[in-house]
N, C-alpha and C. Protein backbone atom coordinates (compact mmCIF):
# COMPACT_ATOMS: atom_id res chain seq x y z
N MET A 1 0.85 -1.18 0.00
CA MET A 1 0.00 0.00 0.00
C MET A 1 0.89 1.24 0.00
N THR A 2 0.57 2.23 -0.81
CA THR A 2 1.40 3.42 -0.88
C THR A 2 1.23 4.27 0.38
N GLU A 3 2.17 5.16 0.59
CA GLU A 3 2.13 6.00 1.79
C GLU A 3 0.88 6.86 1.83
N SER A 4 0.46 7.38 0.68
CA SER A 4 -0.73 8.24 0.66
C SER A 4 -1.99 7.44 0.98
N ARG A 5 -2.04 6.19 0.56
CA ARG A 5 -3.22 5.35 0.89
C ARG A 5 -3.25 5.01 2.37
N VAL A 6 -2.09 4.74 2.94
CA VAL A 6 -2.01 4.46 4.37
C VAL A 6 -2.44 5.70 5.15
N PHE A 7 -1.92 6.86 4.75
CA PHE A 7 -2.27 8.12 5.41
C PHE A 7 -3.78 8.35 5.34
N LEU A 8 -4.36 8.17 4.16
CA LEU A 8 -5.80 8.39 3.97
C LEU A 8 -6.63 7.39 4.77
N SER A 9 -6.21 6.14 4.79
CA SER A 9 -6.98 5.15 5.55
C SER A 9 -6.94 5.45 7.04
N LEU A 10 -5.80 5.90 7.54
CA LEU A 10 -5.71 6.28 8.95
C LEU A 10 -6.52 7.54 9.23
N LEU A 11 -6.51 8.47 8.29
CA LEU A 11 -7.24 9.72 8.44
C LEU A 11 -8.74 9.50 8.55
N LEU A 12 -9.24 8.46 7.92
CA LEU A 12 -10.67 8.19 7.90
C LEU A 12 -11.14 7.24 9.00
N GLU A 13 -10.25 6.86 9.90
CA GLU A 13 -10.65 6.00 11.01
C GLU A 13 -11.58 6.78 11.94
N PRO A 14 -12.74 6.19 12.27
CA PRO A 14 -13.72 6.90 13.10
C PRO A 14 -13.17 7.38 14.45
N GLN A 15 -12.34 6.57 15.09
CA GLN A 15 -11.79 6.94 16.39
C GLN A 15 -10.92 8.19 16.27
N LEU A 16 -10.09 8.23 15.24
CA LEU A 16 -9.22 9.39 15.03
C LEU A 16 -10.05 10.62 14.67
N LEU A 17 -11.05 10.45 13.81
CA LEU A 17 -11.90 11.58 13.43
C LEU A 17 -12.58 12.18 14.65
N LEU A 18 -13.13 11.35 15.50
CA LEU A 18 -13.85 11.84 16.67
C LEU A 18 -12.90 12.52 17.66
N ARG A 19 -11.75 11.92 17.91
CA ARG A 19 -10.79 12.52 18.84
C ARG A 19 -10.30 13.87 18.33
N SER A 20 -9.99 13.95 17.05
CA SER A 20 -9.52 15.20 16.47
C SER A 20 -10.61 16.27 16.49
N LEU A 21 -11.84 15.86 16.23
CA LEU A 21 -12.96 16.79 16.24
C LEU A 21 -13.18 17.35 17.65
N LYS A 22 -13.15 16.49 18.66
CA LYS A 22 -13.32 16.95 20.04
C LYS A 22 -12.24 17.95 20.42
N LEU A 23 -11.00 17.63 20.08
CA LEU A 23 -9.89 18.51 20.40
C LEU A 23 -10.04 19.85 19.68
N ALA A 24 -10.42 19.81 18.41
CA ALA A 24 -10.58 21.04 17.64
C ALA A 24 -11.68 21.93 18.21
N ILE A 25 -12.76 21.32 18.69
CA ILE A 25 -13.85 22.09 19.29
C ILE A 25 -13.37 22.79 20.56
N VAL A 26 -12.66 22.08 21.40
CA VAL A 26 -12.19 22.67 22.66
C VAL A 26 -11.14 23.76 22.39
N VAL A 27 -10.11 23.43 21.65
CA VAL A 27 -9.03 24.38 21.39
C VAL A 27 -9.54 25.56 20.57
N GLY A 28 -10.33 25.28 19.54
CA GLY A 28 -10.88 26.34 18.70
C GLY A 28 -11.74 27.30 19.48
N THR A 29 -12.58 26.78 20.37
CA THR A 29 -13.44 27.63 21.18
C THR A 29 -12.63 28.52 22.11
N VAL A 30 -11.61 27.95 22.73
CA VAL A 30 -10.75 28.75 23.61
C VAL A 30 -10.10 29.88 22.81
N LEU A 31 -9.60 29.56 21.63
CA LEU A 31 -8.94 30.58 20.82
C LEU A 31 -9.92 31.65 20.32
N VAL A 32 -11.13 31.23 19.96
CA VAL A 32 -12.14 32.21 19.53
C VAL A 32 -12.49 33.15 20.67
N VAL A 33 -12.64 32.62 21.87
CA VAL A 33 -12.95 33.47 23.03
C VAL A 33 -11.81 34.44 23.30
N ILE A 34 -10.58 33.95 23.21
CA ILE A 34 -9.43 34.83 23.44
C ILE A 34 -9.37 35.93 22.38
N ASN A 35 -9.55 35.57 21.11
CA ASN A 35 -9.37 36.52 20.02
C ASN A 35 -10.59 37.38 19.72
N TYR A 36 -11.78 36.85 19.92
CA TYR A 36 -12.99 37.56 19.51
C TYR A 36 -14.03 37.70 20.62
N GLY A 37 -13.70 37.28 21.82
CA GLY A 37 -14.66 37.32 22.92
C GLY A 37 -15.25 38.69 23.16
N ASP A 38 -14.42 39.73 23.13
CA ASP A 38 -14.92 41.07 23.39
C ASP A 38 -15.90 41.52 22.31
N LEU A 39 -15.61 41.21 21.06
CA LEU A 39 -16.53 41.59 19.97
C LEU A 39 -17.84 40.82 20.07
N ILE A 40 -17.76 39.56 20.41
CA ILE A 40 -18.97 38.74 20.51
C ILE A 40 -19.84 39.22 21.67
N LEU A 41 -19.21 39.51 22.81
CA LEU A 41 -19.98 39.98 23.97
C LEU A 41 -20.63 41.34 23.73
N ARG A 42 -19.97 42.19 22.96
CA ARG A 42 -20.55 43.50 22.62
C ARG A 42 -21.59 43.40 21.51
N GLY A 43 -21.63 42.27 20.85
CA GLY A 43 -22.55 42.11 19.73
C GLY A 43 -22.07 42.78 18.46
N ASP A 44 -20.79 43.08 18.42
CA ASP A 44 -20.18 43.78 17.28
C ASP A 44 -19.63 42.76 16.28
N THR A 45 -20.52 41.94 15.76
CA THR A 45 -20.09 40.84 14.90
C THR A 45 -19.78 41.27 13.47
N GLU A 46 -20.06 42.52 13.14
CA GLU A 46 -19.74 42.99 11.79
C GLU A 46 -18.23 43.07 11.56
N LYS A 47 -17.47 43.26 12.62
CA LYS A 47 -16.01 43.37 12.51
C LYS A 47 -15.31 42.01 12.49
N ILE A 48 -16.06 40.96 12.79
CA ILE A 48 -15.46 39.63 12.84
C ILE A 48 -15.26 39.09 11.43
N GLU A 49 -14.07 38.58 11.19
CA GLU A 49 -13.78 37.93 9.92
C GLU A 49 -14.05 36.44 10.12
N TRP A 50 -15.20 36.00 9.64
CA TRP A 50 -15.70 34.66 9.94
C TRP A 50 -14.80 33.56 9.39
N TYR A 51 -14.13 33.82 8.28
CA TYR A 51 -13.25 32.79 7.73
C TYR A 51 -12.10 32.50 8.70
N LYS A 52 -11.69 33.53 9.46
CA LYS A 52 -10.62 33.31 10.44
C LYS A 52 -11.11 32.45 11.60
N ILE A 53 -12.38 32.60 11.96
CA ILE A 53 -12.93 31.74 13.01
C ILE A 53 -12.99 30.29 12.52
N ALA A 54 -13.39 30.10 11.26
CA ALA A 54 -13.40 28.75 10.70
C ALA A 54 -12.00 28.15 10.73
N LEU A 55 -11.00 28.93 10.36
CA LEU A 55 -9.62 28.45 10.39
C LEU A 55 -9.16 28.14 11.81
N THR A 56 -9.70 28.87 12.78
CA THR A 56 -9.35 28.65 14.17
C THR A 56 -9.76 27.25 14.62
N TYR A 57 -10.78 26.69 14.00
CA TYR A 57 -11.20 25.32 14.31
C TYR A 57 -10.51 24.30 13.39
N ILE A 58 -10.28 24.67 12.15
CA ILE A 58 -9.70 23.73 11.19
C ILE A 58 -8.24 23.41 11.52
N VAL A 59 -7.48 24.41 11.91
CA VAL A 59 -6.05 24.19 12.17
C VAL A 59 -5.82 23.18 13.31
N PRO A 60 -6.47 23.32 14.48
CA PRO A 60 -6.24 22.30 15.51
C PRO A 60 -6.69 20.90 15.08
N TYR A 61 -7.75 20.83 14.27
CA TYR A 61 -8.20 19.53 13.76
C TYR A 61 -7.10 18.90 12.89
N CYS A 62 -6.55 19.68 11.99
CA CYS A 62 -5.50 19.16 11.11
C CYS A 62 -4.25 18.76 11.89
N VAL A 63 -3.85 19.58 12.83
CA VAL A 63 -2.65 19.28 13.63
C VAL A 63 -2.87 18.01 14.46
N SER A 64 -4.03 17.89 15.07
CA SER A 64 -4.33 16.71 15.88
C SER A 64 -4.35 15.45 15.01
N SER A 65 -5.00 15.54 13.87
CA SER A 65 -5.08 14.38 12.97
C SER A 65 -3.70 13.98 12.47
N TYR A 66 -2.94 14.96 12.02
CA TYR A 66 -1.61 14.68 11.49
C TYR A 66 -0.71 14.06 12.55
N SER A 67 -0.71 14.63 13.76
CA SER A 67 0.16 14.09 14.79
C SER A 67 -0.27 12.69 15.22
N ALA A 68 -1.57 12.42 15.25
CA ALA A 68 -2.04 11.08 15.59
C ALA A 68 -1.62 10.07 14.52
N ILE A 69 -1.71 10.46 13.27
CA ILE A 69 -1.31 9.57 12.18
C ILE A 69 0.19 9.31 12.22
N MET A 70 0.98 10.36 12.41
CA MET A 70 2.43 10.18 12.46
C MET A 70 2.83 9.32 13.66
N ASN A 71 2.14 9.47 14.77
CA ASN A 71 2.39 8.64 15.93
C ASN A 71 2.05 7.18 15.64
N SER A 72 0.94 6.97 14.95
CA SER A 72 0.51 5.61 14.60
C SER A 72 1.48 4.97 13.62
N VAL A 73 1.90 5.71 12.64
CA VAL A 73 2.83 5.18 11.63
C VAL A 73 4.17 4.87 12.28
N GLY A 74 4.59 5.71 13.21
CA GLY A 74 5.87 5.51 13.89
C GLY A 74 5.91 4.25 14.74
N LYS A 75 4.75 3.82 15.21
CA LYS A 75 4.67 2.63 16.06
C LYS A 75 4.63 1.35 15.25
N LYS A 76 4.33 1.45 13.96
CA LYS A 76 4.21 0.24 13.13
C LYS A 76 5.53 -0.18 12.56
């Protein structure tokens, strides 16, 4: 099996998906509160760049998934 197929098969494992999603929700929410909490509490959502909030959740998901896969591959 090629490296990309192994990576993809590990990426699609339900346990890894769920763990990465949980971590992304927690870390992303903390970062959103730190970076945008004052704007959200004031209701000044017009100044928020929503794509940056989406990235705030996507980046921890990708990092968590990648590190879990690399850890798994390293053990095999």
